[in-house]
Amino acid sequence: MMIGTKPDGPDFASATLPEHLVRGVVGFGALFGSVALIPVVGPVALILLPVGLIALRGCPMCWTIGLMETLSRGRLQRSCQDGQCTLATAGNGVPYPGSGSS
């Protein structure tokens, strides 16, 4: 198993929403700055590019997926039995509309 993954797949979520939003501000700010500052400081501005990618954990889409996971963490639970997977709201076990087998 890879570090940072759960048995059923990767975990893109952060521990808290503010932590995730700070990572987004730093990441997108660094990506934008790396391009916007090229006319001012030249190619040295590209040093910000890896900072942005590290803050976003690899890509902007991964950060977006993580935002959705962070928002839904603890609200939805997936369970699979006998080849049937369902998505239920946490606590009451009521199936989530639109869930079904996957």
PDB file of N, CA and C in Angstrom:
ATOM      1  N   MET A   1       0.848  -1.174   0.000  1.00  0.00           N
ATOM      2  CA  MET A   1       0.000   0.000   0.000  1.00  0.00           C
ATOM      3  C   MET A   1       0.894   1.238   0.000  1.00  0.00           C
ATOM      4  N   MET A   2       0.542   2.231  -0.808  1.00  0.00           N
ATOM      5  CA  MET A   2       1.307   3.470  -0.890  1.00  0.00           C
ATOM      6  C   MET A   2       0.986   4.359   0.293  1.00  0.00           C
ATOM      7  N   ILE A   3       1.942   5.202   0.653  1.00  0.00           N
ATOM      8  CA  ILE A   3       1.716   6.163   1.723  1.00  0.00           C
ATOM      9  C   ILE A   3       0.659   7.153   1.260  1.00  0.00           C
ATOM     10  N   GLY A   4      -0.271   7.488   2.140  1.00  0.00           N
ATOM     11  CA  GLY A   4      -1.310   8.459   1.809  1.00  0.00           C
ATOM     12  C   GLY A   4      -2.506   7.863   1.090  1.00  0.00           C
ATOM     13  N   THR A   5      -2.583   6.536   1.046  1.00  0.00           N
ATOM     14  CA  THR A   5      -3.734   5.926   0.389  1.00  0.00           C
ATOM     15  C   THR A   5      -4.498   5.068   1.373  1.00  0.00           C
ATOM     16  N   LYS A   6      -5.761   4.928   1.126  1.00  0.00           N
ATOM     17  CA  LYS A   6      -6.600   4.032   1.898  1.00  0.00           C
ATOM     18  C   LYS A   6      -6.656   2.719   1.128  1.00  0.00           C
ATOM     19  N   PRO A   7      -7.105   1.640   1.767  1.00  0.00           N
ATOM     20  CA  PRO A   7      -7.194   0.371   1.054  1.00  0.00           C
ATOM     21  C   PRO A   7      -8.044   0.440  -0.209  1.00  0.00           C
ATOM     22  N   ASP A   8      -9.068   1.311  -0.231  1.00  0.00           N
ATOM     23  CA  ASP A   8      -9.952   1.369  -1.394  1.00  0.00           C
ATOM     24  C   ASP A   8      -9.568   2.472  -2.378  1.00  0.00           C
ATOM     25  N   GLY A   9      -8.429   3.143  -2.181  1.00  0.00           N
ATOM     26  CA  GLY A   9      -7.994   4.143  -3.149  1.00  0.00           C
ATOM     27  C   GLY A   9      -7.324   5.326  -2.493  1.00  0.00           C
ATOM     28  N   PRO A  10      -6.867   6.279  -3.304  1.00  0.00           N
ATOM     29  CA  PRO A  10      -6.163   7.435  -2.754  1.00  0.00           C
ATOM     30  C   PRO A  10      -7.078   8.360  -1.980  1.00  0.00           C
ATOM     31  N   ASP A  11      -6.479   9.075  -1.036  1.00  0.00           N
ATOM     32  CA  ASP A  11      -7.219  10.035  -0.233  1.00  0.00           C
ATOM     33  C   ASP A  11      -6.677  11.414  -0.566  1.00  0.00           C
ATOM     34  N   PHE A  12      -7.460  12.234  -1.232  1.00  0.00           N
ATOM     35  CA  PHE A  12      -7.030  13.564  -1.636  1.00  0.00           C
ATOM     36  C   PHE A  12      -7.425  14.614  -0.604  1.00  0.00           C
ATOM     37  N   ALA A  13      -8.241  14.239   0.369  1.00  0.00           N
ATOM     38  CA  ALA A  13      -8.782  15.197   1.325  1.00  0.00           C
ATOM     39  C   ALA A  13      -7.747  15.626   2.357  1.00  0.00           C
ATOM     40  N   SER A  14      -7.936  16.804   2.906  1.00  0.00           N
ATOM     41  CA  SER A  14      -7.127  17.298   4.013  1.00  0.00           C
ATOM     42  C   SER A  14      -7.868  17.018   5.313  1.00  0.00           C
ATOM     43  N   ALA A  15      -7.170  17.221   6.428  1.00  0.00           N
ATOM     44  CA  ALA A  15      -7.783  16.969   7.731  1.00  0.00           C
ATOM     45  C   ALA A  15      -8.912  17.968   8.014  1.00  0.00           C
ATOM     46  N   THR A  16      -8.730  19.233   7.599  1.00  0.00           N
ATOM     47  CA  THR A  16      -9.749  20.250   7.848  1.00  0.00           C
ATOM     48  C   THR A  16      -9.954  21.092   6.595  1.00  0.00           C
ATOM     49  N   LEU A  17     -11.105  21.740   6.523  1.00  0.00           N
ATOM     50  CA  LEU A  17     -11.406  22.603   5.382  1.00  0.00           C
ATOM     51  C   LEU A  17     -10.459  23.809   5.324  1.00  0.00           C
ATOM     52  N   PRO A  18     -10.196  24.504   6.449  1.00  0.00           N
ATOM     53  CA  PRO A  18      -9.260  25.632   6.372  1.00  0.00           C
ATOM     54  C   PRO A  18      -7.867  25.218   5.878  1.00  0.00           C
ATOM     55  N   GLU A  19      -7.390  24.051   6.313  1.00  0.00           N
ATOM     56  CA  GLU A  19      -6.092  23.562   5.838  1.00  0.00           C
ATOM     57  C   GLU A  19      -6.123  23.369   4.321  1.00  0.00           C
ATOM     58  N   HIS A  20      -7.188  22.805   3.817  1.00  0.00           N
ATOM     59  CA  HIS A  20      -7.296  22.551   2.386  1.00  0.00           C
ATOM     60  C   HIS A  20      -7.357  23.866   1.600  1.00  0.00           C
ATOM     61  N   LEU A  21      -8.097  24.831   2.122  1.00  0.00           N
ATOM     62  CA  LEU A  21      -8.205  26.118   1.441  1.00  0.00           C
ATOM     63  C   LEU A  21      -6.875  26.872   1.445  1.00  0.00           C
ATOM     64  N   VAL A  22      -6.123  26.770   2.540  1.00  0.00           N
ATOM     65  CA  VAL A  22      -4.797  27.409   2.581  1.00  0.00           C
ATOM     66  C   VAL A  22      -3.882  26.771   1.544  1.00  0.00           C
ATOM     67  N   ARG A  23      -3.921  25.434   1.436  1.00  0.00           N
ATOM     68  CA  ARG A  23      -3.126  24.758   0.405  1.00  0.00           C
ATOM     69  C   ARG A  23      -3.516  25.246  -0.988  1.00  0.00           C
ATOM     70  N   GLY A  24      -4.799  25.474  -1.209  1.00  0.00           N
ATOM     71  CA  GLY A  24      -5.258  25.966  -2.504  1.00  0.00           C
ATOM     72  C   GLY A  24      -4.768  27.371  -2.797  1.00  0.00           C
ATOM     73  N   VAL A  25      -4.843  28.251  -1.808  1.00  0.00           N
ATOM     74  CA  VAL A  25      -4.378  29.634  -1.997  1.00  0.00           C
ATOM     75  C   VAL A  25      -2.888  29.649  -2.295  1.00  0.00           C
ATOM     76  N   VAL A  26      -2.109  28.895  -1.509  1.00  0.00           N
ATOM     77  CA  VAL A  26      -0.658  28.834  -1.743  1.00  0.00           C
ATOM     78  C   VAL A  26      -0.367  28.220  -3.109  1.00  0.00           C
ATOM     79  N   GLY A  27      -1.025  27.102  -3.414  1.00  0.00           N
ATOM     80  CA  GLY A  27      -0.765  26.401  -4.669  1.00  0.00           C
ATOM     81  C   GLY A  27      -1.134  27.204  -5.904  1.00  0.00           C
ATOM     82  N   PHE A  28      -2.372  27.695  -5.942  1.00  0.00           N
ATOM     83  CA  PHE A  28      -2.797  28.460  -7.113  1.00  0.00           C
ATOM     84  C   PHE A  28      -2.062  29.796  -7.194  1.00  0.00           C
ATOM     85  N   GLY A  29      -1.771  30.395  -6.032  1.00  0.00           N
ATOM     86  CA  GLY A  29      -1.001  31.642  -6.026  1.00  0.00           C
ATOM     87  C   GLY A  29       0.391  31.449  -6.593  1.00  0.00           C
ATOM     88  N   ALA A  30       1.043  30.354  -6.202  1.00  0.00           N
ATOM     89  CA  ALA A  30       2.383  30.079  -6.713  1.00  0.00           C
ATOM     90  C   ALA A  30       2.359  29.764  -8.208  1.00  0.00           C
ATOM     91  N   LEU A  31       1.359  28.999  -8.654  1.00  0.00           N
ATOM     92  CA  LEU A  31       1.257  28.697 -10.094  1.00  0.00           C
ATOM     93  C   LEU A  31       1.034  29.975 -10.895  1.00  0.00           C
ATOM     94  N   PHE A  32       0.111  30.806 -10.425  1.00  0.00           N
ATOM     95  CA  PHE A  32      -0.166  32.059 -11.114  1.00  0.00           C
ATOM     96  C   PHE A  32       1.067  32.963 -11.083  1.00  0.00           C
ATOM     97  N   GLY A  33       1.697  33.055  -9.914  1.00  0.00           N
ATOM     98  CA  GLY A  33       2.885  33.896  -9.778  1.00  0.00           C
ATOM     99  C   GLY A  33       4.035  33.443 -10.644  1.00  0.00           C
ATOM    100  N   SER A  34       4.182  32.136 -10.813  1.00  0.00           N
ATOM    101  CA  SER A  34       5.288  31.635 -11.629  1.00  0.00           C
ATOM    102  C   SER A  34       5.171  32.074 -13.080  1.00  0.00           C
ATOM    103  N   VAL A  35       3.960  32.253 -13.549  1.00  0.00           N
ATOM    104  CA  VAL A  35       3.751  32.709 -14.929  1.00  0.00           C
ATOM    105  C   VAL A  35       3.704  34.240 -15.000  1.00  0.00           C
ATOM    106  N   ALA A  36       2.998  34.851 -14.052  1.00  0.00           N
ATOM    107  CA  ALA A  36       2.811  36.307 -14.084  1.00  0.00           C
ATOM    108  C   ALA A  36       4.106  37.079 -13.829  1.00  0.00           C
ATOM    109  N   LEU A  37       5.025  36.501 -13.089  1.00  0.00           N
ATOM    110  CA  LEU A  37       6.259  37.206 -12.750  1.00  0.00           C
ATOM    111  C   LEU A  37       7.380  37.029 -13.772  1.00  0.00           C
ATOM    112  N   ILE A  38       7.164  36.226 -14.797  1.00  0.00           N
ATOM    113  CA  ILE A  38       8.207  36.027 -15.813  1.00  0.00           C
ATOM    114  C   ILE A  38       8.637  37.348 -16.455  1.00  0.00           C
ATOM    115  N   PRO A  39       7.724  38.256 -16.818  1.00  0.00           N
ATOM    116  CA  PRO A  39       8.175  39.522 -17.409  1.00  0.00           C
ATOM    117  C   PRO A  39       8.984  40.393 -16.433  1.00  0.00           C
ATOM    118  N   VAL A  40       8.762  40.198 -15.137  1.00  0.00           N
ATOM    119  CA  VAL A  40       9.426  41.036 -14.141  1.00  0.00           C
ATOM    120  C   VAL A  40      10.800  40.483 -13.754  1.00  0.00           C
ATOM    121  N   VAL A  41      10.861  39.203 -13.410  1.00  0.00           N
ATOM    122  CA  VAL A  41      12.118  38.615 -12.927  1.00  0.00           C
ATOM    123  C   VAL A  41      12.697  37.562 -13.861  1.00  0.00           C
ATOM    124  N   GLY A  42      12.054  37.319 -14.964  1.00  0.00           N
ATOM    125  CA  GLY A  42      12.564  36.353 -15.929  1.00  0.00           C
ATOM    126  C   GLY A  42      12.269  34.914 -15.512  1.00  0.00           C
ATOM    127  N   PRO A  43      13.035  33.984 -16.077  1.00  0.00           N
ATOM    128  CA  PRO A  43      12.797  32.562 -15.818  1.00  0.00           C
ATOM    129  C   PRO A  43      12.960  32.156 -14.347  1.00  0.00           C
ATOM    130  N   VAL A  44      13.569  33.011 -13.536  1.00  0.00           N
ATOM    131  CA  VAL A  44      13.708  32.713 -12.110  1.00  0.00           C
ATOM    132  C   VAL A  44      12.328  32.535 -11.464  1.00  0.00           C
ATOM    133  N   ALA A  45      11.326  33.167 -12.009  1.00  0.00           N
ATOM    134  CA  ALA A  45       9.964  33.055 -11.474  1.00  0.00           C
ATOM    135  C   ALA A  45       9.447  31.627 -11.537  1.00  0.00           C
ATOM    136  N   LEU A  46       9.990  30.825 -12.425  1.00  0.00           N
ATOM    137  CA  LEU A  46       9.533  29.444 -12.565  1.00  0.00           C
ATOM    138  C   LEU A  46       9.888  28.592 -11.349  1.00  0.00           C
ATOM    139  N   ILE A  47      10.679  29.138 -10.428  1.00  0.00           N
ATOM    140  CA  ILE A  47      10.976  28.431  -9.185  1.00  0.00           C
ATOM    141  C   ILE A  47       9.688  28.226  -8.385  1.00  0.00           C
ATOM    142  N   LEU A  48       8.715  29.093  -8.577  1.00  0.00           N
ATOM    143  CA  LEU A  48       7.435  28.972  -7.874  1.00  0.00           C
ATOM    144  C   LEU A  48       6.587  27.806  -8.393  1.00  0.00           C
ATOM    145  N   LEU A  49       6.865  27.345  -9.592  1.00  0.00           N
ATOM    146  CA  LEU A  49       6.068  26.273 -10.194  1.00  0.00           C
ATOM    147  C   LEU A  49       6.052  25.006  -9.339  1.00  0.00           C
ATOM    148  N   PRO A  50       7.206  24.471  -8.924  1.00  0.00           N
ATOM    149  CA  PRO A  50       7.143  23.271  -8.072  1.00  0.00           C
ATOM    150  C   PRO A  50       6.491  23.525  -6.715  1.00  0.00           C
ATOM    151  N   VAL A  51       6.633  24.731  -6.190  1.00  0.00           N
ATOM    152  CA  VAL A  51       5.975  25.067  -4.918  1.00  0.00           C
ATOM    153  C   VAL A  51       4.463  24.927  -5.073  1.00  0.00           C
ATOM    154  N   GLY A  52       3.931  25.448  -6.167  1.00  0.00           N
ATOM    155  CA  GLY A  52       2.498  25.345  -6.424  1.00  0.00           C
ATOM    156  C   GLY A  52       2.038  23.913  -6.595  1.00  0.00           C
ATOM    157  N   LEU A  53       2.823  23.124  -7.322  1.00  0.00           N
ATOM    158  CA  LEU A  53       2.440  21.731  -7.548  1.00  0.00           C
ATOM    159  C   LEU A  53       2.503  20.914  -6.262  1.00  0.00           C
ATOM    160  N   ILE A  54       3.482  21.189  -5.416  1.00  0.00           N
ATOM    161  CA  ILE A  54       3.572  20.475  -4.144  1.00  0.00           C
ATOM    162  C   ILE A  54       2.397  20.847  -3.247  1.00  0.00           C
ATOM    163  N   ALA A  55       2.059  22.129  -3.199  1.00  0.00           N
ATOM    164  CA  ALA A  55       0.929  22.569  -2.364  1.00  0.00           C
ATOM    165  C   ALA A  55      -0.381  21.957  -2.840  1.00  0.00           C
ATOM    166  N   LEU A  56      -0.518  21.774  -4.151  1.00  0.00           N
ATOM    167  CA  LEU A  56      -1.748  21.202  -4.703  1.00  0.00           C
ATOM    168  C   LEU A  56      -1.691  19.680  -4.789  1.00  0.00           C
ATOM    169  N   ARG A  57      -0.618  19.093  -4.280  1.00  0.00           N
ATOM    170  CA  ARG A  57      -0.395  17.640  -4.309  1.00  0.00           C
ATOM    171  C   ARG A  57      -0.397  17.087  -5.726  1.00  0.00           C
ATOM    172  N   GLY A  58       0.206  17.799  -6.628  1.00  0.00           N
ATOM    173  CA  GLY A  58       0.398  17.261  -7.964  1.00  0.00           C
ATOM    174  C   GLY A  58      -0.342  17.964  -9.076  1.00  0.00           C
ATOM    175  N   CYS A  59      -1.580  18.326  -8.860  1.00  0.00           N
ATOM    176  CA  CYS A  59      -2.321  18.957  -9.944  1.00  0.00           C
ATOM    177  C   CYS A  59      -3.525  19.708  -9.395  1.00  0.00           C
ATOM    178  N   PRO A  60      -3.971  20.723 -10.105  1.00  0.00           N
ATOM    179  CA  PRO A  60      -5.153  21.464  -9.653  1.00  0.00           C
ATOM    180  C   PRO A  60      -6.412  20.598  -9.561  1.00  0.00           C
ATOM    181  N   MET A  61      -6.561  19.627 -10.441  1.00  0.00           N
ATOM    182  CA  MET A  61      -7.739  18.756 -10.389  1.00  0.00           C
ATOM    183  C   MET A  61      -7.712  17.890  -9.140  1.00  0.00           C
ATOM    184  N   CYS A  62      -6.508  17.440  -8.739  1.00  0.00           N
ATOM    185  CA  CYS A  62      -6.394  16.654  -7.508  1.00  0.00           C
ATOM    186  C   CYS A  62      -6.827  17.490  -6.308  1.00  0.00           C
ATOM    187  N   TRP A  63      -6.463  18.771  -6.300  1.00  0.00           N
ATOM    188  CA  TRP A  63      -6.862  19.658  -5.219  1.00  0.00           C
ATOM    189  C   TRP A  63      -8.391  19.806  -5.204  1.00  0.00           C
ATOM    190  N   THR A  64      -9.000  19.929  -6.369  1.00  0.00           N
ATOM    191  CA  THR A  64     -10.452  20.073  -6.469  1.00  0.00           C
ATOM    192  C   THR A  64     -11.159  18.816  -5.962  1.00  0.00           C
ATOM    193  N   ILE A  65     -10.653  17.657  -6.335  1.00  0.00           N
ATOM    194  CA  ILE A  65     -11.221  16.398  -5.846  1.00  0.00           C
ATOM    195  C   ILE A  65     -11.087  16.341  -4.329  1.00  0.00           C
ATOM    196  N   GLY A  66      -9.935  16.746  -3.834  1.00  0.00           N
ATOM    197  CA  GLY A  66      -9.714  16.771  -2.394  1.00  0.00           C
ATOM    198  C   GLY A  66     -10.661  17.715  -1.677  1.00  0.00           C
ATOM    199  N   LEU A  67     -10.992  18.837  -2.304  1.00  0.00           N
ATOM    200  CA  LEU A  67     -11.944  19.774  -1.715  1.00  0.00           C
ATOM    201  C   LEU A  67     -13.305  19.100  -1.555  1.00  0.00           C
ATOM    202  N   MET A  68     -13.732  18.389  -2.585  1.00  0.00           N
ATOM    203  CA  MET A  68     -15.019  17.689  -2.501  1.00  0.00           C
ATOM    204  C   MET A  68     -14.972  16.606  -1.422  1.00  0.00           C
ATOM    205  N   GLU A  69     -13.857  15.874  -1.333  1.00  0.00           N
ATOM    206  CA  GLU A  69     -13.724  14.842  -0.312  1.00  0.00           C
ATOM    207  C   GLU A  69     -13.714  15.454   1.086  1.00  0.00           C
ATOM    208  N   THR A  70     -13.017  16.594   1.235  1.00  0.00           N
ATOM    209  CA  THR A  70     -12.952  17.256   2.532  1.00  0.00           C
ATOM    210  C   THR A  70     -14.339  17.724   2.956  1.00  0.00           C
ATOM    211  N   LEU A  71     -15.112  18.263   2.023  1.00  0.00           N
ATOM    212  CA  LEU A  71     -16.465  18.731   2.333  1.00  0.00           C
ATOM    213  C   LEU A  71     -17.406  17.585   2.688  1.00  0.00           C
ATOM    214  N   SER A  72     -17.248  16.432   2.039  1.00  0.00           N
ATOM    215  CA  SER A  72     -18.179  15.327   2.271  1.00  0.00           C
ATOM    216  C   SER A  72     -17.701  14.362   3.339  1.00  0.00           C
ATOM    217  N   ARG A  73     -16.473  14.529   3.831  1.00  0.00           N
ATOM    218  CA  ARG A  73     -15.932  13.589   4.825  1.00  0.00           C
ATOM    219  C   ARG A  73     -16.845  13.525   6.041  1.00  0.00           C
ATOM    220  N   GLY A  74     -17.222  12.307   6.388  1.00  0.00           N
ATOM    221  CA  GLY A  74     -18.069  12.102   7.549  1.00  0.00           C
ATOM    222  C   GLY A  74     -19.558  12.234   7.264  1.00  0.00           C
ATOM    223  N   ARG A  75     -19.909  12.724   6.095  1.00  0.00           N
ATOM    224  CA  ARG A  75     -21.331  12.888   5.772  1.00  0.00           C
ATOM    225  C   ARG A  75     -21.873  11.716   4.981  1.00  0.00           C
ATOM    226  N   LEU A  76     -21.024  11.121   4.157  1.00  0.00           N
ATOM    227  CA  LEU A  76     -21.439   9.982   3.341  1.00  0.00           C
ATOM    228  C   LEU A  76     -20.539   8.792   3.646  1.00  0.00           C
ATOM    229  N   GLN A  77     -21.116   7.612   3.646  1.00  0.00           N
ATOM    230  CA  GLN A  77     -20.352   6.403   3.854  1.00  0.00           C
ATOM    231  C   GLN A  77     -20.689   5.395   2.769  1.00  0.00           C
ATOM    232  N   ARG A  78     -19.643   4.761   2.233  1.00  0.00           N
ATOM    233  CA  ARG A  78     -19.835   3.763   1.205  1.00  0.00           C
ATOM    234  C   ARG A  78     -19.653   2.391   1.841  1.00  0.00           C
ATOM    235  N   SER A  79     -20.539   1.483   1.537  1.00  0.00           N
ATOM    236  CA  SER A  79     -20.383   0.122   2.031  1.00  0.00           C
ATOM    237  C   SER A  79     -20.670  -0.847   0.888  1.00  0.00           C
ATOM    238  N   CYS A  80     -19.891  -1.914   0.862  1.00  0.00           N
ATOM    239  CA  CYS A  80     -20.040  -2.925  -0.185  1.00  0.00           C
ATOM    240  C   CYS A  80     -20.236  -4.294   0.467  1.00  0.00           C
ATOM    241  N   GLN A  81     -21.272  -5.000   0.049  1.00  0.00           N
ATOM    242  CA  GLN A  81     -21.527  -6.346   0.530  1.00  0.00           C
ATOM    243  C   GLN A  81     -22.046  -7.175  -0.625  1.00  0.00           C
ATOM    244  N   ASP A  82     -21.485  -8.352  -0.784  1.00  0.00           N
ATOM    245  CA  ASP A  82     -21.910  -9.291  -1.819  1.00  0.00           C
ATOM    246  C   ASP A  82     -21.921  -8.671  -3.210  1.00  0.00           C
ATOM    247  N   GLY A  83     -20.916  -7.849  -3.507  1.00  0.00           N
ATOM    248  CA  GLY A  83     -20.813  -7.254  -4.829  1.00  0.00           C
ATOM    249  C   GLY A  83     -21.709  -6.054  -5.051  1.00  0.00           C
ATOM    250  N   GLN A  84     -22.495  -5.660  -4.076  1.00  0.00           N
ATOM    251  CA  GLN A  84     -23.366  -4.496  -4.177  1.00  0.00           C
ATOM    252  C   GLN A  84     -22.812  -3.376  -3.296  1.00  0.00           C
ATOM    253  N   CYS A  85     -22.589  -2.222  -3.884  1.00  0.00           N
ATOM    254  CA  CYS A  85     -22.095  -1.079  -3.124  1.00  0.00           C
ATOM    255  C   CYS A  85     -23.193  -0.038  -3.015  1.00  0.00           C
ATOM    256  N   THR A  86     -23.327   0.528  -1.817  1.00  0.00           N
ATOM    257  CA  THR A  86     -24.308   1.578  -1.603  1.00  0.00           C
ATOM    258  C   THR A  86     -23.630   2.767  -0.943  1.00  0.00           C
ATOM    259  N   LEU A  87     -24.185   3.915  -1.145  1.00  0.00           N
ATOM    260  CA  LEU A  87     -23.716   5.151  -0.548  1.00  0.00           C
ATOM    261  C   LEU A  87     -24.828   5.618   0.382  1.00  0.00           C
ATOM    262  N   ALA A  88     -24.518   5.749   1.682  1.00  0.00           N
ATOM    263  CA  ALA A  88     -25.529   6.129   2.662  1.00  0.00           C
ATOM    264  C   ALA A  88     -25.045   7.336   3.450  1.00  0.00           C
ATOM    265  N   THR A  89     -25.996   8.112   3.936  1.00  0.00           N
ATOM    266  CA  THR A  89     -25.629   9.221   4.803  1.00  0.00           C
ATOM    267  C   THR A  89     -25.164   8.646   6.127  1.00  0.00           C
ATOM    268  N   ALA A  90     -24.161   9.267   6.709  1.00  0.00           N
ATOM    269  CA  ALA A  90     -23.569   8.750   7.943  1.00  0.00           C
ATOM    270  C   ALA A  90     -24.581   8.775   9.082  1.00  0.00           C
ATOM    271  N   GLY A  91     -24.577   7.722   9.862  1.00  0.00           N
ATOM    272  CA  GLY A  91     -25.400   7.694  11.057  1.00  0.00           C
ATOM    273  C   GLY A  91     -26.737   7.012  10.914  1.00  0.00           C
ATOM    274  N   ASN A  92     -27.464   7.266   9.821  1.00  0.00           N
ATOM    275  CA  ASN A  92     -28.808   6.699   9.743  1.00  0.00           C
ATOM    276  C   ASN A  92     -28.920   5.527   8.781  1.00  0.00           C
ATOM    277  N   GLY A  93     -27.918   5.274   7.967  1.00  0.00           N
ATOM    278  CA  GLY A  93     -27.931   4.130   7.071  1.00  0.00           C
ATOM    279  C   GLY A  93     -28.917   4.215   5.930  1.00  0.00           C
ATOM    280  N   VAL A  94     -29.545   5.374   5.743  1.00  0.00           N
ATOM    281  CA  VAL A  94     -30.493   5.548   4.650  1.00  0.00           C
ATOM    282  C   VAL A  94     -29.711   5.702   3.349  1.00  0.00           C
ATOM    283  N   PRO A  95     -30.013   4.898   2.337  1.00  0.00           N
ATOM    284  CA  PRO A  95     -29.284   5.012   1.072  1.00  0.00           C
ATOM    285  C   PRO A  95     -29.388   6.400   0.477  1.00  0.00           C
ATOM    286  N   TYR A  96     -28.284   6.859  -0.056  1.00  0.00           N
ATOM    287  CA  TYR A  96     -28.219   8.155  -0.706  1.00  0.00           C
ATOM    288  C   TYR A  96     -28.880   8.073  -2.064  1.00  0.00           C
ATOM    289  N   PRO A  97     -29.714   9.049  -2.454  1.00  0.00           N
ATOM    290  CA  PRO A  97     -30.374   9.001  -3.766  1.00  0.00           C
ATOM    291  C   PRO A  97     -29.352   8.891  -4.881  1.00  0.00           C
ATOM    292  N   GLY A  98     -29.573   7.975  -5.763  1.00  0.00           N
ATOM    293  CA  GLY A  98     -28.678   7.792  -6.908  1.00  0.00           C
ATOM    294  C   GLY A  98     -27.588   6.779  -6.664  1.00  0.00           C
ATOM    295  N   SER A  99     -27.489   6.263  -5.427  1.00  0.00           N
ATOM    296  CA  SER A  99     -26.457   5.255  -5.189  1.00  0.00           C
ATOM    297  C   SER A  99     -26.971   3.923  -5.668  1.00  0.00           C
ATOM    298  N   GLY A 100     -26.054   3.074  -5.981  1.00  0.00           N
ATOM    299  CA  GLY A 100     -26.429   1.755  -6.466  1.00  0.00           C
ATOM    300  C   GLY A 100     -25.186   0.916  -6.570  1.00  0.00           C
ATOM    301  N   SER A 101     -25.234  -0.111  -7.359  1.00  0.00           N
ATOM    302  CA  SER A 101     -24.064  -0.954  -7.499  1.00  0.00           C
ATOM    303  C   SER A 101     -23.032  -0.266  -8.362  1.00  0.00           C
ATOM    304  N   SER A 102     -21.758  -0.550  -8.049  1.00  0.00           N
ATOM    305  CA  SER A 102     -20.684   0.041  -8.847  1.00  0.00           C
ATOM    306  C   SER A 102     -19.707  -1.002  -9.286  1.00  0.00           C
TER     307      SER A 102
END
